[in-house]
Amino acid sequence: MKHLVLIILSLQISLTAASQGFDFYKDYENLLLLTKSKDGKVNFEILLEKFRGNSDLTEYEKIALVVGSTDHKGYENQELLKFESQIEVLNNKKEYENAIDLSDK
């Protein structure tokens, strides 16, 4: 289920980022540096705690959380994309229970 939540969050953030003028190639490095700043408003650890605590995050904080996650051990974007593709195939086949089971892994 964690994978599914991250996938959905990533998709939502991608769409939001595009609508807010976030250019991944242009803005990524600067935002990544801000997520590493211990006293910054978008410090990754602080944002992660807020996210885990179900606190509301602004759209910018969501984008920063995704960008910050790319620099942490355990970030496996290709693995998430593989799961996303498999879940999408199962959904298209109307194998909803199998899709849910896969998303719970």
PDB file of N, CA and C in Angstrom:
ATOM      1  N   MET A   1       0.824  -1.187   0.000  1.00  0.00           N
ATOM      2  CA  MET A   1       0.000   0.000   0.000  1.00  0.00           C
ATOM      3  C   MET A   1       0.871   1.255   0.000  1.00  0.00           C
ATOM      4  N   LYS A   2       2.034   1.181   0.667  1.00  0.00           N
ATOM      5  CA  LYS A   2       2.935   2.324   0.701  1.00  0.00           C
ATOM      6  C   LYS A   2       3.341   2.726  -0.710  1.00  0.00           C
ATOM      7  N   HIS A   3       3.606   1.716  -1.538  1.00  0.00           N
ATOM      8  CA  HIS A   3       4.017   1.999  -2.917  1.00  0.00           C
ATOM      9  C   HIS A   3       2.912   2.732  -3.664  1.00  0.00           C
ATOM     10  N   LEU A   4       1.692   2.287  -3.493  1.00  0.00           N
ATOM     11  CA  LEU A   4       0.569   2.912  -4.179  1.00  0.00           C
ATOM     12  C   LEU A   4       0.392   4.353  -3.732  1.00  0.00           C
ATOM     13  N   VAL A   5       0.520   4.597  -2.449  1.00  0.00           N
ATOM     14  CA  VAL A   5       0.392   5.960  -1.932  1.00  0.00           C
ATOM     15  C   VAL A   5       1.478   6.852  -2.527  1.00  0.00           C
ATOM     16  N   LEU A   6       2.705   6.351  -2.577  1.00  0.00           N
ATOM     17  CA  LEU A   6       3.793   7.139  -3.156  1.00  0.00           C
ATOM     18  C   LEU A   6       3.580   7.391  -4.639  1.00  0.00           C
ATOM     19  N   ILE A   7       3.076   6.384  -5.340  1.00  0.00           N
ATOM     20  CA  ILE A   7       2.819   6.536  -6.773  1.00  0.00           C
ATOM     21  C   ILE A   7       1.754   7.604  -7.001  1.00  0.00           C
ATOM     22  N   ILE A   8       0.666   7.490  -6.262  1.00  0.00           N
ATOM     23  CA  ILE A   8      -0.419   8.461  -6.418  1.00  0.00           C
ATOM     24  C   ILE A   8       0.056   9.861  -6.050  1.00  0.00           C
ATOM     25  N   LEU A   9       0.805   9.971  -4.956  1.00  0.00           N
ATOM     26  CA  LEU A   9       1.329  11.268  -4.541  1.00  0.00           C
ATOM     27  C   LEU A   9       2.257  11.831  -5.605  1.00  0.00           C
ATOM     28  N   SER A  10       3.111  10.982  -6.174  1.00  0.00           N
ATOM     29  CA  SER A  10       4.036  11.438  -7.211  1.00  0.00           C
ATOM     30  C   SER A  10       3.299  11.936  -8.444  1.00  0.00           C
ATOM     31  N   LEU A  11       2.270  11.212  -8.840  1.00  0.00           N
ATOM     32  CA  LEU A  11       1.481  11.636  -9.997  1.00  0.00           C
ATOM     33  C   LEU A  11       0.784  12.963  -9.731  1.00  0.00           C
ATOM     34  N   GLN A  12       0.200  13.093  -8.547  1.00  0.00           N
ATOM     35  CA  GLN A  12      -0.488  14.324  -8.201  1.00  0.00           C
ATOM     36  C   GLN A  12       0.496  15.490  -8.189  1.00  0.00           C
ATOM     37  N   ILE A  13       1.655  15.255  -7.637  1.00  0.00           N
ATOM     38  CA  ILE A  13       2.653  16.319  -7.541  1.00  0.00           C
ATOM     39  C   ILE A  13       3.172  16.695  -8.916  1.00  0.00           C
ATOM     40  N   SER A  14       3.345  15.718  -9.779  1.00  0.00           N
ATOM     41  CA  SER A  14       3.806  16.005 -11.137  1.00  0.00           C
ATOM     42  C   SER A  14       2.835  16.934 -11.844  1.00  0.00           C
ATOM     43  N   LEU A  15       1.555  16.634 -11.730  1.00  0.00           N
ATOM     44  CA  LEU A  15       0.550  17.479 -12.365  1.00  0.00           C
ATOM     45  C   LEU A  15       0.513  18.858 -11.731  1.00  0.00           C
ATOM     46  N   THR A  16       0.597  18.911 -10.420  1.00  0.00           N
ATOM     47  CA  THR A  16       0.583  20.183  -9.711  1.00  0.00           C
ATOM     48  C   THR A  16       1.827  20.994 -10.040  1.00  0.00           C
ATOM     49  N   ALA A  17       2.964  20.323 -10.077  1.00  0.00           N
ATOM     50  CA  ALA A  17       4.227  21.004 -10.373  1.00  0.00           C
ATOM     51  C   ALA A  17       4.160  21.669 -11.738  1.00  0.00           C
ATOM     52  N   ALA A  18       3.615  20.955 -12.685  1.00  0.00           N
ATOM     53  CA  ALA A  18       3.504  21.506 -14.029  1.00  0.00           C
ATOM     54  C   ALA A  18       2.610  22.739 -14.027  1.00  0.00           C
ATOM     55  N   SER A  19       1.528  22.682 -13.266  1.00  0.00           N
ATOM     56  CA  SER A  19       0.604  23.810 -13.236  1.00  0.00           C
ATOM     57  C   SER A  19       1.184  25.008 -12.479  1.00  0.00           C
ATOM     58  N   GLN A  20       2.142  24.774 -11.596  1.00  0.00           N
ATOM     59  CA  GLN A  20       2.737  25.868 -10.819  1.00  0.00           C
ATOM     60  C   GLN A  20       4.039  26.367 -11.423  1.00  0.00           C
ATOM     61  N   GLY A  21       4.378  25.881 -12.592  1.00  0.00           N
ATOM     62  CA  GLY A  21       5.576  26.357 -13.261  1.00  0.00           C
ATOM     63  C   GLY A  21       6.859  25.705 -12.776  1.00  0.00           C
ATOM     64  N   PHE A  22       6.760  24.598 -12.061  1.00  0.00           N
ATOM     65  CA  PHE A  22       7.960  23.891 -11.612  1.00  0.00           C
ATOM     66  C   PHE A  22       8.554  23.171 -12.806  1.00  0.00           C
ATOM     67  N   ASP A  23       9.788  23.502 -13.112  1.00  0.00           N
ATOM     68  CA  ASP A  23      10.503  22.865 -14.218  1.00  0.00           C
ATOM     69  C   ASP A  23      11.532  21.926 -13.603  1.00  0.00           C
ATOM     70  N   PHE A  24      11.296  20.636 -13.727  1.00  0.00           N
ATOM     71  CA  PHE A  24      12.149  19.643 -13.076  1.00  0.00           C
ATOM     72  C   PHE A  24      13.616  19.858 -13.415  1.00  0.00           C
ATOM     73  N   TYR A  25      13.923  20.018 -14.685  1.00  0.00           N
ATOM     74  CA  TYR A  25      15.325  20.127 -15.099  1.00  0.00           C
ATOM     75  C   TYR A  25      15.963  21.424 -14.630  1.00  0.00           C
ATOM     76  N   LYS A  26      15.181  22.477 -14.527  1.00  0.00           N
ATOM     77  CA  LYS A  26      15.719  23.772 -14.130  1.00  0.00           C
ATOM     78  C   LYS A  26      15.734  23.944 -12.606  1.00  0.00           C
ATOM     79  N   ASP A  27      14.710  23.457 -11.929  1.00  0.00           N
ATOM     80  CA  ASP A  27      14.526  23.744 -10.505  1.00  0.00           C
ATOM     81  C   ASP A  27      14.964  22.630  -9.556  1.00  0.00           C
ATOM     82  N   TYR A  28      15.196  21.431 -10.078  1.00  0.00           N
ATOM     83  CA  TYR A  28      15.477  20.273  -9.232  1.00  0.00           C
ATOM     84  C   TYR A  28      16.659  20.493  -8.291  1.00  0.00           C
ATOM     85  N   GLU A  29      17.805  20.875  -8.817  1.00  0.00           N
ATOM     86  CA  GLU A  29      19.023  21.016  -7.994  1.00  0.00           C
ATOM     87  C   GLU A  29      18.838  22.032  -6.868  1.00  0.00           C
ATOM     88  N   ASN A  30      18.231  23.176  -7.188  1.00  0.00           N
ATOM     89  CA  ASN A  30      18.019  24.200  -6.152  1.00  0.00           C
ATOM     90  C   ASN A  30      17.077  23.704  -5.065  1.00  0.00           C
ATOM     91  N   LEU A  31      15.995  23.056  -5.476  1.00  0.00           N
ATOM     92  CA  LEU A  31      15.042  22.556  -4.483  1.00  0.00           C
ATOM     93  C   LEU A  31      15.658  21.432  -3.659  1.00  0.00           C
ATOM     94  N   LEU A  32      16.472  20.587  -4.292  1.00  0.00           N
ATOM     95  CA  LEU A  32      17.148  19.520  -3.556  1.00  0.00           C
ATOM     96  C   LEU A  32      18.055  20.097  -2.473  1.00  0.00           C
ATOM     97  N   LEU A  33      18.771  21.150  -2.785  1.00  0.00           N
ATOM     98  CA  LEU A  33      19.617  21.804  -1.777  1.00  0.00           C
ATOM     99  C   LEU A  33      18.785  22.344  -0.619  1.00  0.00           C
ATOM    100  N   LEU A  34      17.637  22.900  -0.935  1.00  0.00           N
ATOM    101  CA  LEU A  34      16.763  23.423   0.125  1.00  0.00           C
ATOM    102  C   LEU A  34      16.238  22.304   1.022  1.00  0.00           C
ATOM    103  N   THR A  35      15.995  21.127   0.466  1.00  0.00           N
ATOM    104  CA  THR A  35      15.494  20.015   1.285  1.00  0.00           C
ATOM    105  C   THR A  35      16.568  19.482   2.225  1.00  0.00           C
ATOM    106  N   LYS A  36      17.831  19.778   1.917  1.00  0.00           N
ATOM    107  CA  LYS A  36      18.939  19.322   2.763  1.00  0.00           C
ATOM    108  C   LYS A  36      19.268  20.321   3.864  1.00  0.00           C
ATOM    109  N   SER A  37      18.769  21.534   3.740  1.00  0.00           N
ATOM    110  CA  SER A  37      19.042  22.577   4.719  1.00  0.00           C
ATOM    111  C   SER A  37      18.355  22.238   6.038  1.00  0.00           C
ATOM    112  N   LYS A  38      19.125  22.186   7.110  1.00  0.00           N
ATOM    113  CA  LYS A  38      18.580  21.800   8.420  1.00  0.00           C
ATOM    114  C   LYS A  38      17.554  22.790   8.949  1.00  0.00           C
ATOM    115  N   ASP A  39      17.699  24.051   8.613  1.00  0.00           N
ATOM    116  CA  ASP A  39      16.778  25.058   9.144  1.00  0.00           C
ATOM    117  C   ASP A  39      15.831  25.601   8.074  1.00  0.00           C
ATOM    118  N   GLY A  40      15.784  24.933   6.927  1.00  0.00           N
ATOM    119  CA  GLY A  40      14.941  25.410   5.838  1.00  0.00           C
ATOM    120  C   GLY A  40      13.477  25.053   6.007  1.00  0.00           C
ATOM    121  N   LYS A  41      12.617  25.808   5.331  1.00  0.00           N
ATOM    122  CA  LYS A  41      11.183  25.565   5.395  1.00  0.00           C
ATOM    123  C   LYS A  41      10.794  24.253   4.727  1.00  0.00           C
ATOM    124  N   VAL A  42      11.627  23.773   3.838  1.00  0.00           N
ATOM    125  CA  VAL A  42      11.303  22.534   3.129  1.00  0.00           C
ATOM    126  C   VAL A  42      12.339  21.436   3.415  1.00  0.00           C
ATOM    127  N   ASN A  43      12.838  21.409   4.636  1.00  0.00           N
ATOM    128  CA  ASN A  43      13.752  20.352   5.047  1.00  0.00           C
ATOM    129  C   ASN A  43      13.048  19.004   4.893  1.00  0.00           C
ATOM    130  N   PHE A  44      13.718  18.063   4.243  1.00  0.00           N
ATOM    131  CA  PHE A  44      13.104  16.775   3.931  1.00  0.00           C
ATOM    132  C   PHE A  44      12.610  16.047   5.179  1.00  0.00           C
ATOM    133  N   GLU A  45      13.409  15.988   6.207  1.00  0.00           N
ATOM    134  CA  GLU A  45      13.030  15.251   7.422  1.00  0.00           C
ATOM    135  C   GLU A  45      11.782  15.854   8.075  1.00  0.00           C
ATOM    136  N   ILE A  46      11.721  17.168   8.105  1.00  0.00           N
ATOM    137  CA  ILE A  46      10.554  17.843   8.686  1.00  0.00           C
ATOM    138  C   ILE A  46       9.315  17.579   7.837  1.00  0.00           C
ATOM    139  N   LEU A  47       9.470  17.680   6.515  1.00  0.00           N
ATOM    140  CA  LEU A  47       8.338  17.418   5.629  1.00  0.00           C
ATOM    141  C   LEU A  47       7.867  15.972   5.735  1.00  0.00           C
ATOM    142  N   LEU A  48       8.808  15.046   5.872  1.00  0.00           N
ATOM    143  CA  LEU A  48       8.445  13.640   5.990  1.00  0.00           C
ATOM    144  C   LEU A  48       7.658  13.391   7.274  1.00  0.00           C
ATOM    145  N   GLU A  49       8.068  14.020   8.359  1.00  0.00           N
ATOM    146  CA  GLU A  49       7.320  13.896   9.613  1.00  0.00           C
ATOM    147  C   GLU A  49       5.907  14.450   9.468  1.00  0.00           C
ATOM    148  N   LYS A  50       5.795  15.602   8.807  1.00  0.00           N
ATOM    149  CA  LYS A  50       4.471  16.181   8.579  1.00  0.00           C
ATOM    150  C   LYS A  50       3.606  15.237   7.748  1.00  0.00           C
ATOM    151  N   PHE A  51       4.196  14.668   6.708  1.00  0.00           N
ATOM    152  CA  PHE A  51       3.467  13.754   5.829  1.00  0.00           C
ATOM    153  C   PHE A  51       3.008  12.509   6.586  1.00  0.00           C
ATOM    154  N   ARG A  52       3.906  11.937   7.357  1.00  0.00           N
ATOM    155  CA  ARG A  52       3.565  10.737   8.128  1.00  0.00           C
ATOM    156  C   ARG A  52       2.531  11.029   9.206  1.00  0.00           C
ATOM    157  N   GLY A  53       2.513  12.254   9.694  1.00  0.00           N
ATOM    158  CA  GLY A  53       1.552  12.648  10.718  1.00  0.00           C
ATOM    159  C   GLY A  53       0.233  13.130  10.141  1.00  0.00           C
ATOM    160  N   ASN A  54       0.070  12.929   8.837  1.00  0.00           N
ATOM    161  CA  ASN A  54      -1.165  13.333   8.146  1.00  0.00           C
ATOM    162  C   ASN A  54      -1.435  14.830   8.226  1.00  0.00           C
ATOM    163  N   SER A  55      -0.388  15.620   8.384  1.00  0.00           N
ATOM    164  CA  SER A  55      -0.554  17.070   8.376  1.00  0.00           C
ATOM    165  C   SER A  55      -0.707  17.542   6.932  1.00  0.00           C
ATOM    166  N   ASP A  56      -1.412  18.635   6.780  1.00  0.00           N
ATOM    167  CA  ASP A  56      -1.571  19.195   5.440  1.00  0.00           C
ATOM    168  C   ASP A  56      -0.242  19.758   4.959  1.00  0.00           C
ATOM    169  N   LEU A  57       0.074  19.460   3.705  1.00  0.00           N
ATOM    170  CA  LEU A  57       1.258  20.007   3.070  1.00  0.00           C
ATOM    171  C   LEU A  57       0.813  20.912   1.929  1.00  0.00           C
ATOM    172  N   THR A  58       1.526  22.014   1.757  1.00  0.00           N
ATOM    173  CA  THR A  58       1.239  22.858   0.602  1.00  0.00           C
ATOM    174  C   THR A  58       1.709  22.128  -0.649  1.00  0.00           C
ATOM    175  N   GLU A  59       1.281  22.602  -1.793  1.00  0.00           N
ATOM    176  CA  GLU A  59       1.705  21.976  -3.049  1.00  0.00           C
ATOM    177  C   GLU A  59       3.232  22.041  -3.190  1.00  0.00           C
ATOM    178  N   TYR A  60       3.817  23.180  -2.812  1.00  0.00           N
ATOM    179  CA  TYR A  60       5.272  23.331  -2.882  1.00  0.00           C
ATOM    180  C   TYR A  60       5.965  22.342  -1.954  1.00  0.00           C
ATOM    181  N   GLU A  61       5.418  22.141  -0.759  1.00  0.00           N
ATOM    182  CA  GLU A  61       6.002  21.184   0.189  1.00  0.00           C
ATOM    183  C   GLU A  61       5.909  19.757  -0.357  1.00  0.00           C
ATOM    184  N   LYS A  62       4.821  19.430  -1.041  1.00  0.00           N
ATOM    185  CA  LYS A  62       4.691  18.108  -1.648  1.00  0.00           C
ATOM    186  C   LYS A  62       5.752  17.900  -2.726  1.00  0.00           C
ATOM    187  N   ILE A  63       5.952  18.923  -3.536  1.00  0.00           N
ATOM    188  CA  ILE A  63       6.981  18.834  -4.578  1.00  0.00           C
ATOM    189  C   ILE A  63       8.351  18.663  -3.916  1.00  0.00           C
ATOM    190  N   ALA A  64       8.627  19.446  -2.889  1.00  0.00           N
ATOM    191  CA  ALA A  64       9.903  19.360  -2.178  1.00  0.00           C
ATOM    192  C   ALA A  64      10.088  17.986  -1.541  1.00  0.00           C
ATOM    193  N   LEU A  65       9.019  17.406  -1.016  1.00  0.00           N
ATOM    194  CA  LEU A  65       9.098  16.080  -0.408  1.00  0.00           C
ATOM    195  C   LEU A  65       9.502  15.032  -1.442  1.00  0.00           C
ATOM    196  N   VAL A  66       8.911  15.090  -2.607  1.00  0.00           N
ATOM    197  CA  VAL A  66       9.267  14.131  -3.667  1.00  0.00           C
ATOM    198  C   VAL A  66      10.710  14.351  -4.122  1.00  0.00           C
ATOM    199  N   VAL A  67      11.098  15.600  -4.337  1.00  0.00           N
ATOM    200  CA  VAL A  67      12.470  15.900  -4.755  1.00  0.00           C
ATOM    201  C   VAL A  67      13.456  15.450  -3.680  1.00  0.00           C
ATOM    202  N   GLY A  68      13.162  15.742  -2.419  1.00  0.00           N
ATOM    203  CA  GLY A  68      14.045  15.339  -1.321  1.00  0.00           C
ATOM    204  C   GLY A  68      14.171  13.837  -1.202  1.00  0.00           C
ATOM    205  N   SER A  69      13.097  13.112  -1.514  1.00  0.00           N
ATOM    206  CA  SER A  69      13.140  11.648  -1.400  1.00  0.00           C
ATOM    207  C   SER A  69      14.102  11.011  -2.393  1.00  0.00           C
ATOM    208  N   THR A  70      14.391  11.695  -3.482  1.00  0.00           N
ATOM    209  CA  THR A  70      15.298  11.128  -4.488  1.00  0.00           C
ATOM    210  C   THR A  70      16.739  11.058  -4.004  1.00  0.00           C
ATOM    211  N   ASP A  71      17.032  11.776  -2.937  1.00  0.00           N
ATOM    212  CA  ASP A  71      18.404  11.823  -2.428  1.00  0.00           C
ATOM    213  C   ASP A  71      18.595  10.947  -1.194  1.00  0.00           C
ATOM    214  N   HIS A  72      17.602  10.157  -0.841  1.00  0.00           N
ATOM    215  CA  HIS A  72      17.691   9.340   0.356  1.00  0.00           C
ATOM    216  C   HIS A  72      17.782   7.862   0.019  1.00  0.00           C
ATOM    217  N   LYS A  73      18.517   7.164   0.859  1.00  0.00           N
ATOM    218  CA  LYS A  73      18.667   5.727   0.685  1.00  0.00           C
ATOM    219  C   LYS A  73      17.279   5.081   0.669  1.00  0.00           C
ATOM    220  N   GLY A  74      17.111   4.163  -0.215  1.00  0.00           N
ATOM    221  CA  GLY A  74      15.824   3.494  -0.317  1.00  0.00           C
ATOM    222  C   GLY A  74      14.963   4.035  -1.443  1.00  0.00           C
ATOM    223  N   TYR A  75      15.389   5.160  -2.031  1.00  0.00           N
ATOM    224  CA  TYR A  75      14.640   5.695  -3.155  1.00  0.00           C
ATOM    225  C   TYR A  75      14.882   4.805  -4.360  1.00  0.00           C
ATOM    226  N   GLU A  76      13.826   4.218  -4.848  1.00  0.00           N
ATOM    227  CA  GLU A  76      13.945   3.315  -5.992  1.00  0.00           C
ATOM    228  C   GLU A  76      12.858   3.653  -6.993  1.00  0.00           C
ATOM    229  N   ASN A  77      13.062   4.707  -7.732  1.00  0.00           N
ATOM    230  CA  ASN A  77      12.056   5.166  -8.672  1.00  0.00           C
ATOM    231  C   ASN A  77      11.701   4.093  -9.695  1.00  0.00           C
ATOM    232  N   GLN A  78      12.689   3.381 -10.217  1.00  0.00           N
ATOM    233  CA  GLN A  78      12.405   2.346 -11.211  1.00  0.00           C
ATOM    234  C   GLN A  78      11.540   1.241 -10.621  1.00  0.00           C
ATOM    235  N   GLU A  79      11.774   0.933  -9.367  1.00  0.00           N
ATOM    236  CA  GLU A  79      10.974  -0.087  -8.691  1.00  0.00           C
ATOM    237  C   GLU A  79       9.524   0.379  -8.570  1.00  0.00           C
ATOM    238  N   LEU A  80       9.329   1.633  -8.232  1.00  0.00           N
ATOM    239  CA  LEU A  80       7.968   2.164  -8.133  1.00  0.00           C
ATOM    240  C   LEU A  80       7.281   2.161  -9.492  1.00  0.00           C
ATOM    241  N   LEU A  81       8.018   2.520 -10.529  1.00  0.00           N
ATOM    242  CA  LEU A  81       7.436   2.532 -11.869  1.00  0.00           C
ATOM    243  C   LEU A  81       7.043   1.128 -12.307  1.00  0.00           C
ATOM    244  N   LYS A  82       7.842   0.144 -11.923  1.00  0.00           N
ATOM    245  CA  LYS A  82       7.516  -1.244 -12.252  1.00  0.00           C
ATOM    246  C   LYS A  82       6.196  -1.638 -11.587  1.00  0.00           C
ATOM    247  N   PHE A  83       6.066  -1.325 -10.296  1.00  0.00           N
ATOM    248  CA  PHE A  83       4.826  -1.618  -9.577  1.00  0.00           C
ATOM    249  C   PHE A  83       3.643  -0.873 -10.203  1.00  0.00           C
ATOM    250  N   GLU A  84       3.862   0.379 -10.516  1.00  0.00           N
ATOM    251  CA  GLU A  84       2.785   1.176 -11.101  1.00  0.00           C
ATOM    252  C   GLU A  84       2.294   0.551 -12.403  1.00  0.00           C
ATOM    253  N   SER A  85       3.212   0.118 -13.243  1.00  0.00           N
ATOM    254  CA  SER A  85       2.846  -0.497 -14.520  1.00  0.00           C
ATOM    255  C   SER A  85       2.072  -1.791 -14.296  1.00  0.00           C
ATOM    256  N   GLN A  86       2.525  -2.593 -13.364  1.00  0.00           N
ATOM    257  CA  GLN A  86       1.846  -3.860 -13.083  1.00  0.00           C
ATOM    258  C   GLN A  86       0.447  -3.614 -12.532  1.00  0.00           C
ATOM    259  N   ILE A  87       0.312  -2.633 -11.663  1.00  0.00           N
ATOM    260  CA  ILE A  87      -0.996  -2.301 -11.091  1.00  0.00           C
ATOM    261  C   ILE A  87      -1.926  -1.785 -12.188  1.00  0.00           C
ATOM    262  N   GLU A  88      -1.400  -0.953 -13.063  1.00  0.00           N
ATOM    263  CA  GLU A  88      -2.211  -0.416 -14.155  1.00  0.00           C
ATOM    264  C   GLU A  88      -2.707  -1.531 -15.081  1.00  0.00           C
ATOM    265  N   VAL A  89      -1.842  -2.495 -15.406  1.00  0.00           N
ATOM    266  CA  VAL A  89      -2.245  -3.622 -16.246  1.00  0.00           C
ATOM    267  C   VAL A  89      -3.369  -4.408 -15.572  1.00  0.00           C
ATOM    268  N   LEU A  90      -3.209  -4.680 -14.283  1.00  0.00           N
ATOM    269  CA  LEU A  90      -4.247  -5.422 -13.553  1.00  0.00           C
ATOM    270  C   LEU A  90      -5.560  -4.642 -13.519  1.00  0.00           C
ATOM    271  N   ASN A  91      -5.483  -3.342 -13.313  1.00  0.00           N
ATOM    272  CA  ASN A  91      -6.697  -2.521 -13.312  1.00  0.00           C
ATOM    273  C   ASN A  91      -7.382  -2.548 -14.674  1.00  0.00           C
ATOM    274  N   ASN A  92      -6.601  -2.449 -15.732  1.00  0.00           N
ATOM    275  CA  ASN A  92      -7.168  -2.477 -17.079  1.00  0.00           C
ATOM    276  C   ASN A  92      -7.837  -3.807 -17.385  1.00  0.00           C
ATOM    277  N   LYS A  93      -7.340  -4.878 -16.770  1.00  0.00           N
ATOM    278  CA  LYS A  93      -7.942  -6.201 -16.936  1.00  0.00           C
ATOM    279  C   LYS A  93      -9.105  -6.419 -15.968  1.00  0.00           C
ATOM    280  N   LYS A  94      -9.405  -5.384 -15.175  1.00  0.00           N
ATOM    281  CA  LYS A  94     -10.460  -5.438 -14.151  1.00  0.00           C
ATOM    282  C   LYS A  94     -10.164  -6.487 -13.076  1.00  0.00           C
ATOM    283  N   GLU A  95      -8.884  -6.721 -12.835  1.00  0.00           N
ATOM    284  CA  GLU A  95      -8.447  -7.631 -11.772  1.00  0.00           C
ATOM    285  C   GLU A  95      -8.112  -6.786 -10.538  1.00  0.00           C
ATOM    286  N   TYR A  96      -9.151  -6.185  -9.989  1.00  0.00           N
ATOM    287  CA  TYR A  96      -8.976  -5.200  -8.928  1.00  0.00           C
ATOM    288  C   TYR A  96      -8.378  -5.786  -7.649  1.00  0.00           C
ATOM    289  N   GLU A  97      -8.811  -6.970  -7.285  1.00  0.00           N
ATOM    290  CA  GLU A  97      -8.273  -7.592  -6.061  1.00  0.00           C
ATOM    291  C   GLU A  97      -6.773  -7.848  -6.202  1.00  0.00           C
ATOM    292  N   ASN A  98      -6.361  -8.315  -7.377  1.00  0.00           N
ATOM    293  CA  ASN A  98      -4.932  -8.551  -7.612  1.00  0.00           C
ATOM    294  C   ASN A  98      -4.157  -7.233  -7.582  1.00  0.00           C
ATOM    295  N   ALA A  99      -4.747  -6.176  -8.119  1.00  0.00           N
ATOM    296  CA  ALA A  99      -4.096  -4.860  -8.102  1.00  0.00           C
ATOM    297  C   ALA A  99      -3.928  -4.382  -6.660  1.00  0.00           C
ATOM    298  N   ILE A 100      -4.961  -4.572  -5.858  1.00  0.00           N
ATOM    299  CA  ILE A 100      -4.868  -4.160  -4.452  1.00  0.00           C
ATOM    300  C   ILE A 100      -3.812  -4.991  -3.726  1.00  0.00           C
ATOM    301  N   ASP A 101      -3.807  -6.301  -3.976  1.00  0.00           N
ATOM    302  CA  ASP A 101      -2.804  -7.160  -3.341  1.00  0.00           C
ATOM    303  C   ASP A 101      -1.389  -6.708  -3.709  1.00  0.00           C
ATOM    304  N   LEU A 102      -1.183  -6.376  -4.973  1.00  0.00           N
ATOM    305  CA  LEU A 102       0.147  -5.935  -5.412  1.00  0.00           C
ATOM    306  C   LEU A 102       0.517  -4.601  -4.778  1.00  0.00           C
ATOM    307  N   SER A 103      -0.439  -3.717  -4.630  1.00  0.00           N
ATOM    308  CA  SER A 103      -0.137  -2.408  -4.049  1.00  0.00           C
ATOM    309  C   SER A 103       0.171  -2.497  -2.557  1.00  0.00           C
ATOM    310  N   ASP A 104      -0.274  -3.595  -1.927  1.00  0.00           N
ATOM    311  CA  ASP A 104       0.002  -3.779  -0.496  1.00  0.00           C
ATOM    312  C   ASP A 104       1.393  -4.319  -0.227  1.00  0.00           C
ATOM    313  N   LYS A 105       2.110  -4.723  -1.243  1.00  0.00           N
ATOM    314  CA  LYS A 105       3.461  -5.290  -1.050  1.00  0.00           C
ATOM    315  C   LYS A 105       4.468  -4.240  -0.752  1.00  0.00           C
TER     316      LYS A 105
END
